[in-house]
PDB file of all heavy atoms in Angstrom:
ATOM      1  N   ILE A   1     -10.887  -3.417 -26.723  1.00  0.00           N
ATOM      2  CA  ILE A   1     -11.180  -2.847 -28.048  1.00  0.00           C
ATOM      3  C   ILE A   1     -10.962  -1.327 -28.016  1.00  0.00           C
ATOM      4  O   ILE A   1     -10.383  -0.763 -28.951  1.00  0.00           O
ATOM      5  CB  ILE A   1     -12.614  -3.191 -28.488  1.00  0.00           C
ATOM      6  CG1 ILE A   1     -12.722  -4.705 -28.706  1.00  0.00           C
ATOM      7  CG2 ILE A   1     -13.010  -2.424 -29.728  1.00  0.00           C
ATOM      8  CD1 ILE A   1     -14.131  -5.189 -28.944  1.00  0.00           C
ATOM      9  N   ALA A   2     -11.412  -0.678 -26.943  1.00  0.00           N
ATOM     10  CA  ALA A   2     -11.227   0.769 -26.821  1.00  0.00           C
ATOM     11  C   ALA A   2      -9.732   1.117 -26.773  1.00  0.00           C
ATOM     12  O   ALA A   2      -9.291   2.080 -27.381  1.00  0.00           O
ATOM     13  CB  ALA A   2     -11.935   1.287 -25.580  1.00  0.00           C
ATOM     14  N   ALA A   3      -8.948   0.305 -26.062  1.00  0.00           N
ATOM     15  CA  ALA A   3      -7.510   0.554 -25.979  1.00  0.00           C
ATOM     16  C   ALA A   3      -6.851   0.377 -27.336  1.00  0.00           C
ATOM     17  O   ALA A   3      -5.962   1.151 -27.714  1.00  0.00           O
ATOM     18  CB  ALA A   3      -6.877  -0.374 -24.959  1.00  0.00           C
ATOM     19  N   VAL A   4      -7.293  -0.624 -28.092  1.00  0.00           N
ATOM     20  CA  VAL A   4      -6.744  -0.852 -29.432  1.00  0.00           C
ATOM     21  C   VAL A   4      -7.086   0.315 -30.355  1.00  0.00           C
ATOM     22  O   VAL A   4      -6.251   0.782 -31.121  1.00  0.00           O
ATOM     23  CB  VAL A   4      -7.242  -2.191 -30.004  1.00  0.00           C
ATOM     24  CG1 VAL A   4      -6.923  -2.325 -31.478  1.00  0.00           C
ATOM     25  CG2 VAL A   4      -6.658  -3.360 -29.223  1.00  0.00           C
ATOM     26  N   VAL A   5      -8.316   0.797 -30.292  1.00  0.00           N
ATOM     27  CA  VAL A   5      -8.732   1.932 -31.113  1.00  0.00           C
ATOM     28  C   VAL A   5      -7.898   3.167 -30.722  1.00  0.00           C
ATOM     29  O   VAL A   5      -7.430   3.897 -31.594  1.00  0.00           O
ATOM     30  CB  VAL A   5     -10.247   2.211 -30.956  1.00  0.00           C
ATOM     31  CG1 VAL A   5     -10.624   3.544 -31.579  1.00  0.00           C
ATOM     32  CG2 VAL A   5     -11.052   1.091 -31.578  1.00  0.00           C
ATOM     33  N   TRP A   6      -7.737   3.409 -29.431  1.00  0.00           N
ATOM     34  CA  TRP A   6      -6.958   4.559 -28.949  1.00  0.00           C
ATOM     35  C   TRP A   6      -5.525   4.480 -29.458  1.00  0.00           C
ATOM     36  O   TRP A   6      -4.987   5.464 -29.964  1.00  0.00           O
ATOM     37  CB  TRP A   6      -7.010   4.624 -27.434  1.00  0.00           C
ATOM     38  CG  TRP A   6      -6.175   5.710 -26.862  1.00  0.00           C
ATOM     39  CD1 TRP A   6      -4.944   5.592 -26.290  1.00  0.00           C
ATOM     40  CD2 TRP A   6      -6.469   7.100 -26.829  1.00  0.00           C
ATOM     41  NE1 TRP A   6      -4.490   6.814 -25.894  1.00  0.00           N
ATOM     42  CE2 TRP A   6      -5.412   7.765 -26.214  1.00  0.00           C
ATOM     43  CE3 TRP A   6      -7.561   7.854 -27.269  1.00  0.00           C
ATOM     44  CZ2 TRP A   6      -5.393   9.137 -26.027  1.00  0.00           C
ATOM     45  CZ3 TRP A   6      -7.543   9.228 -27.077  1.00  0.00           C
ATOM     46  CH2 TRP A   6      -6.465   9.832 -26.460  1.00  0.00           C
ATOM     47  N   GLU A   7      -4.878   3.339 -29.291  1.00  0.00           N
ATOM     48  CA  GLU A   7      -3.497   3.191 -29.715  1.00  0.00           C
ATOM     49  C   GLU A   7      -3.373   3.282 -31.242  1.00  0.00           C
ATOM     50  O   GLU A   7      -2.425   3.861 -31.763  1.00  0.00           O
ATOM     51  CB  GLU A   7      -2.914   1.874 -29.216  1.00  0.00           C
ATOM     52  CG  GLU A   7      -2.669   1.844 -27.738  1.00  0.00           C
ATOM     53  CD  GLU A   7      -1.683   2.917 -27.303  1.00  0.00           C
ATOM     54  OE1 GLU A   7      -0.684   3.155 -27.988  1.00  0.00           O
ATOM     55  OE2 GLU A   7      -1.939   3.516 -26.237  1.00  0.00           O
ATOM     56  N   GLY A   8      -4.330   2.692 -31.954  1.00  0.00           N
ATOM     57  CA  GLY A   8      -4.319   2.771 -33.415  1.00  0.00           C
ATOM     58  C   GLY A   8      -4.427   4.204 -33.902  1.00  0.00           C
ATOM     59  O   GLY A   8      -3.715   4.623 -34.818  1.00  0.00           O
ATOM     60  N   ALA A   9      -5.307   4.972 -33.281  1.00  0.00           N
ATOM     61  CA  ALA A   9      -5.453   6.378 -33.656  1.00  0.00           C
ATOM     62  C   ALA A   9      -4.194   7.167 -33.336  1.00  0.00           C
ATOM     63  O   ALA A   9      -3.771   8.022 -34.122  1.00  0.00           O
ATOM     64  CB  ALA A   9      -6.668   6.982 -32.944  1.00  0.00           C
ATOM     65  N   THR A  10      -3.581   6.876 -32.206  1.00  0.00           N
ATOM     66  CA  THR A  10      -2.348   7.564 -31.830  1.00  0.00           C
ATOM     67  C   THR A  10      -1.219   7.248 -32.805  1.00  0.00           C
ATOM     68  O   THR A  10      -0.506   8.160 -33.249  1.00  0.00           O
ATOM     69  CB  THR A  10      -1.934   7.165 -30.389  1.00  0.00           C
ATOM     70  OG1 THR A  10      -2.998   7.530 -29.499  1.00  0.00           O
ATOM     71  CG2 THR A  10      -0.648   7.871 -29.971  1.00  0.00           C
ATOM     72  N   VAL A  11      -1.080   5.989 -33.161  1.00  0.00           N
ATOM     73  CA  VAL A  11      -0.042   5.594 -34.115  1.00  0.00           C
ATOM     74  C   VAL A  11      -0.290   6.240 -35.473  1.00  0.00           C
ATOM     75  O   VAL A  11       0.646   6.721 -36.126  1.00  0.00           O
ATOM     76  CB  VAL A  11       0.035   4.057 -34.226  1.00  0.00           C
ATOM     77  CG1 VAL A  11       0.870   3.619 -35.416  1.00  0.00           C
ATOM     78  CG2 VAL A  11       0.563   3.459 -32.941  1.00  0.00           C
ATOM     79  N   TYR A  12      -1.543   6.269 -35.910  1.00  0.00           N
ATOM     80  CA  TYR A  12      -1.872   6.894 -37.186  1.00  0.00           C
ATOM     81  C   TYR A  12      -1.542   8.387 -37.179  1.00  0.00           C
ATOM     82  O   TYR A  12      -0.945   8.911 -38.123  1.00  0.00           O
ATOM     83  CB  TYR A  12      -3.333   6.685 -37.524  1.00  0.00           C
ATOM     84  CG  TYR A  12      -3.749   7.425 -38.777  1.00  0.00           C
ATOM     85  CD1 TYR A  12      -3.390   6.953 -40.028  1.00  0.00           C
ATOM     86  CD2 TYR A  12      -4.450   8.628 -38.719  1.00  0.00           C
ATOM     87  CE1 TYR A  12      -3.747   7.626 -41.185  1.00  0.00           C
ATOM     88  CE2 TYR A  12      -4.790   9.318 -39.841  1.00  0.00           C
ATOM     89  CZ  TYR A  12      -4.442   8.807 -41.080  1.00  0.00           C
ATOM     90  OH  TYR A  12      -4.781   9.496 -42.204  1.00  0.00           O
ATOM     91  N   MET A  13      -1.918   9.068 -36.090  1.00  0.00           N
ATOM     92  CA  MET A  13      -1.652  10.507 -36.002  1.00  0.00           C
ATOM     93  C   MET A  13      -0.145  10.803 -35.988  1.00  0.00           C
ATOM     94  O   MET A  13       0.318  11.733 -36.655  1.00  0.00           O
ATOM     95  CB  MET A  13      -2.294  11.093 -34.748  1.00  0.00           C
ATOM     96  CG  MET A  13      -3.790  11.167 -34.832  1.00  0.00           C
ATOM     97  SD  MET A  13      -4.441  11.860 -33.308  1.00  0.00           S
ATOM     98  CE  MET A  13      -6.048  11.113 -33.248  1.00  0.00           C
ATOM     99  N   GLU A  14       0.602  10.010 -35.251  1.00  0.00           N
ATOM    100  CA  GLU A  14       2.059  10.214 -35.209  1.00  0.00           C
ATOM    101  C   GLU A  14       2.687   9.906 -36.547  1.00  0.00           C
ATOM    102  O   GLU A  14       3.598  10.602 -36.995  1.00  0.00           O
ATOM    103  CB  GLU A  14       2.662   9.347 -34.117  1.00  0.00           C
ATOM    104  CG  GLU A  14       2.346   9.841 -32.729  1.00  0.00           C
ATOM    105  CD  GLU A  14       2.850   8.932 -31.634  1.00  0.00           C
ATOM    106  OE1 GLU A  14       3.527   7.931 -31.960  1.00  0.00           O
ATOM    107  OE2 GLU A  14       2.580   9.225 -30.468  1.00  0.00           O
ATOM    108  N   GLY A  15       2.204   8.869 -37.232  1.00  0.00           N
ATOM    109  CA  GLY A  15       2.700   8.558 -38.578  1.00  0.00           C
ATOM    110  C   GLY A  15       2.392   9.674 -39.556  1.00  0.00           C
ATOM    111  O   GLY A  15       3.231  10.018 -40.395  1.00  0.00           O
ATOM    112  N   TYR A  16       1.215  10.244 -39.442  1.00  0.00           N
ATOM    113  CA  TYR A  16       0.846  11.353 -40.303  1.00  0.00           C
ATOM    114  C   TYR A  16       1.756  12.556 -40.070  1.00  0.00           C
ATOM    115  O   TYR A  16       2.208  13.206 -41.008  1.00  0.00           O
ATOM    116  CB  TYR A  16      -0.629  11.758 -40.071  1.00  0.00           C
ATOM    117  CG  TYR A  16      -1.063  12.910 -40.907  1.00  0.00           C
ATOM    118  CD1 TYR A  16      -1.374  12.736 -42.242  1.00  0.00           C
ATOM    119  CD2 TYR A  16      -1.144  14.202 -40.380  1.00  0.00           C
ATOM    120  CE1 TYR A  16      -1.779  13.796 -43.028  1.00  0.00           C
ATOM    121  CE2 TYR A  16      -1.542  15.279 -41.147  1.00  0.00           C
ATOM    122  CZ  TYR A  16      -1.854  15.058 -42.488  1.00  0.00           C
ATOM    123  OH  TYR A  16      -2.241  16.119 -43.259  1.00  0.00           O
ATOM    124  N   LEU A  17       2.048  12.819 -38.793  1.00  0.00           N
ATOM    125  CA  LEU A  17       2.957  13.924 -38.482  1.00  0.00           C
ATOM    126  C   LEU A  17       4.344  13.677 -39.043  1.00  0.00           C
ATOM    127  O   LEU A  17       4.992  14.587 -39.542  1.00  0.00           O
ATOM    128  CB  LEU A  17       3.032  14.134 -36.969  1.00  0.00           C
ATOM    129  CG  LEU A  17       1.807  14.764 -36.330  1.00  0.00           C
ATOM    130  CD1 LEU A  17       1.985  14.799 -34.821  1.00  0.00           C
ATOM    131  CD2 LEU A  17       1.580  16.162 -36.864  1.00  0.00           C
ATOM    132  N   MET A  18       4.825  12.455 -38.965  1.00  0.00           N
ATOM    133  CA  MET A  18       6.156  12.126 -39.505  1.00  0.00           C
ATOM    134  C   MET A  18       6.205  12.296 -41.012  1.00  0.00           C
ATOM    135  O   MET A  18       7.160  12.839 -41.560  1.00  0.00           O
ATOM    136  CB  MET A  18       6.548  10.704 -39.123  1.00  0.00           C
ATOM    137  CG  MET A  18       6.799  10.556 -37.673  1.00  0.00           C
ATOM    138  SD  MET A  18       8.144  11.609 -37.161  1.00  0.00           S
ATOM    139  CE  MET A  18       8.733  10.725 -35.783  1.00  0.00           C
ATOM    140  N   ARG A  19       5.148  11.819 -41.698  1.00  0.00           N
ATOM    141  CA  ARG A  19       5.095  11.948 -43.162  1.00  0.00           C
ATOM    142  C   ARG A  19       5.028  13.423 -43.564  1.00  0.00           C
ATOM    143  O   ARG A  19       5.659  13.849 -44.517  1.00  0.00           O
ATOM    144  CB  ARG A  19       3.895  11.204 -43.724  1.00  0.00           C
ATOM    145  CG  ARG A  19       4.049   9.709 -43.712  1.00  0.00           C
ATOM    146  CD  ARG A  19       2.930   9.021 -44.491  1.00  0.00           C
ATOM    147  NE  ARG A  19       1.609   9.440 -44.073  1.00  0.00           N
ATOM    148  CZ  ARG A  19       0.873   8.845 -43.133  1.00  0.00           C
ATOM    149  NH1 ARG A  19       1.378   7.821 -42.470  1.00  0.00           N
ATOM    150  NH2 ARG A  19      -0.331   9.264 -42.830  1.00  0.00           N
ATOM    151  N   THR A  20       4.255  14.191 -42.834  1.00  0.00           N
ATOM    152  CA  THR A  20       4.098  15.611 -43.144  1.00  0.00           C
ATOM    153  C   THR A  20       5.361  16.381 -42.806  1.00  0.00           C
ATOM    154  O   THR A  20       5.726  17.334 -43.501  1.00  0.00           O
ATOM    155  CB  THR A  20       2.901  16.197 -42.380  1.00  0.00           C
ATOM    156  OG1 THR A  20       1.745  15.401 -42.653  1.00  0.00           O
ATOM    157  CG2 THR A  20       2.608  17.602 -42.837  1.00  0.00           C
ATOM    158  N   ALA A  21       6.049  15.992 -41.750  1.00  0.00           N
ATOM    159  CA  ALA A  21       7.282  16.675 -41.346  1.00  0.00           C
ATOM    160  C   ALA A  21       8.367  16.534 -42.389  1.00  0.00           C
ATOM    161  O   ALA A  21       9.232  17.401 -42.503  1.00  0.00           O
ATOM    162  CB  ALA A  21       7.755  16.148 -39.993  1.00  0.00           C
ATOM    163  N   ALA A  22       8.341  15.435 -43.152  1.00  0.00           N
ATOM    164  CA  ALA A  22       9.361  15.231 -44.184  1.00  0.00           C
ATOM    165  C   ALA A  22       9.205  16.217 -45.336  1.00  0.00           C
ATOM    166  O   ALA A  22      10.151  16.494 -46.048  1.00  0.00           O
ATOM    167  CB  ALA A  22       9.277  13.795 -44.701  1.00  0.00           C
ATOM    168  N   ASP A  23       7.987  16.748 -45.512  1.00  0.00           N
ATOM    169  CA  ASP A  23       7.727  17.712 -46.578  1.00  0.00           C
ATOM    170  C   ASP A  23       7.999  19.125 -46.072  1.00  0.00           C
ATOM    171  O   ASP A  23       7.294  19.643 -45.216  1.00  0.00           O
ATOM    172  CB  ASP A  23       6.272  17.574 -47.030  1.00  0.00           C
ATOM    173  CG  ASP A  23       5.940  18.464 -48.211  1.00  0.00           C
ATOM    174  OD1 ASP A  23       6.881  19.000 -48.828  1.00  0.00           O
ATOM    175  OD2 ASP A  23       4.749  18.598 -48.524  1.00  0.00           O
ATOM    176  N   LYS A  24       9.039  19.758 -46.587  1.00  0.00           N
ATOM    177  CA  LYS A  24       9.437  21.080 -46.121  1.00  0.00           C
ATOM    178  C   LYS A  24       8.420  22.174 -46.466  1.00  0.00           C
ATOM    179  O   LYS A  24       8.329  23.188 -45.799  1.00  0.00           O
ATOM    180  CB  LYS A  24      10.803  21.469 -46.705  1.00  0.00           C
ATOM    181  CG  LYS A  24      11.902  20.524 -46.319  1.00  0.00           C
ATOM    182  CD  LYS A  24      12.162  20.590 -44.834  1.00  0.00           C
ATOM    183  CE  LYS A  24      13.318  19.655 -44.518  1.00  0.00           C
ATOM    184  NZ  LYS A  24      13.500  19.448 -43.108  1.00  0.00           N
ATOM    185  N   GLU A  25       7.642  21.976 -47.517  1.00  0.00           N
ATOM    186  CA  GLU A  25       6.690  22.979 -47.939  1.00  0.00           C
ATOM    187  C   GLU A  25       5.434  23.005 -47.082  1.00  0.00           C
ATOM    188  O   GLU A  25       4.618  23.909 -47.192  1.00  0.00           O
ATOM    189  CB  GLU A  25       6.289  22.757 -49.396  1.00  0.00           C
ATOM    190  CG  GLU A  25       7.459  22.852 -50.362  1.00  0.00           C
ATOM    191  CD  GLU A  25       7.084  22.452 -51.769  1.00  0.00           C
ATOM    192  OE1 GLU A  25       5.917  22.055 -51.990  1.00  0.00           O
ATOM    193  OE2 GLU A  25       7.950  22.551 -52.638  1.00  0.00           O
ATOM    194  N   ALA A  26       5.263  22.030 -46.211  1.00  0.00           N
ATOM    195  CA  ALA A  26       4.030  21.905 -45.451  1.00  0.00           C
ATOM    196  C   ALA A  26       4.175  22.437 -44.022  1.00  0.00           C
ATOM    197  O   ALA A  26       3.489  21.997 -43.126  1.00  0.00           O
ATOM    198  CB  ALA A  26       3.611  20.447 -45.421  1.00  0.00           C
ATOM    199  N   ALA A  27       5.029  23.401 -43.801  1.00  0.00           N
ATOM    200  CA  ALA A  27       5.271  23.921 -42.459  1.00  0.00           C
ATOM    201  C   ALA A  27       4.020  24.561 -41.861  1.00  0.00           C
ATOM    202  O   ALA A  27       3.712  24.350 -40.678  1.00  0.00           O
ATOM    203  CB  ALA A  27       6.405  24.907 -42.469  1.00  0.00           C
TER     204      ALA A  27
END
């Protein structure tokens, strides 16, 4: 369960970075 939570948080954070990186105004 701890590994699943860790990986889920990592995937969410990386996804957030990708979504934010697409927005040029959010540098």
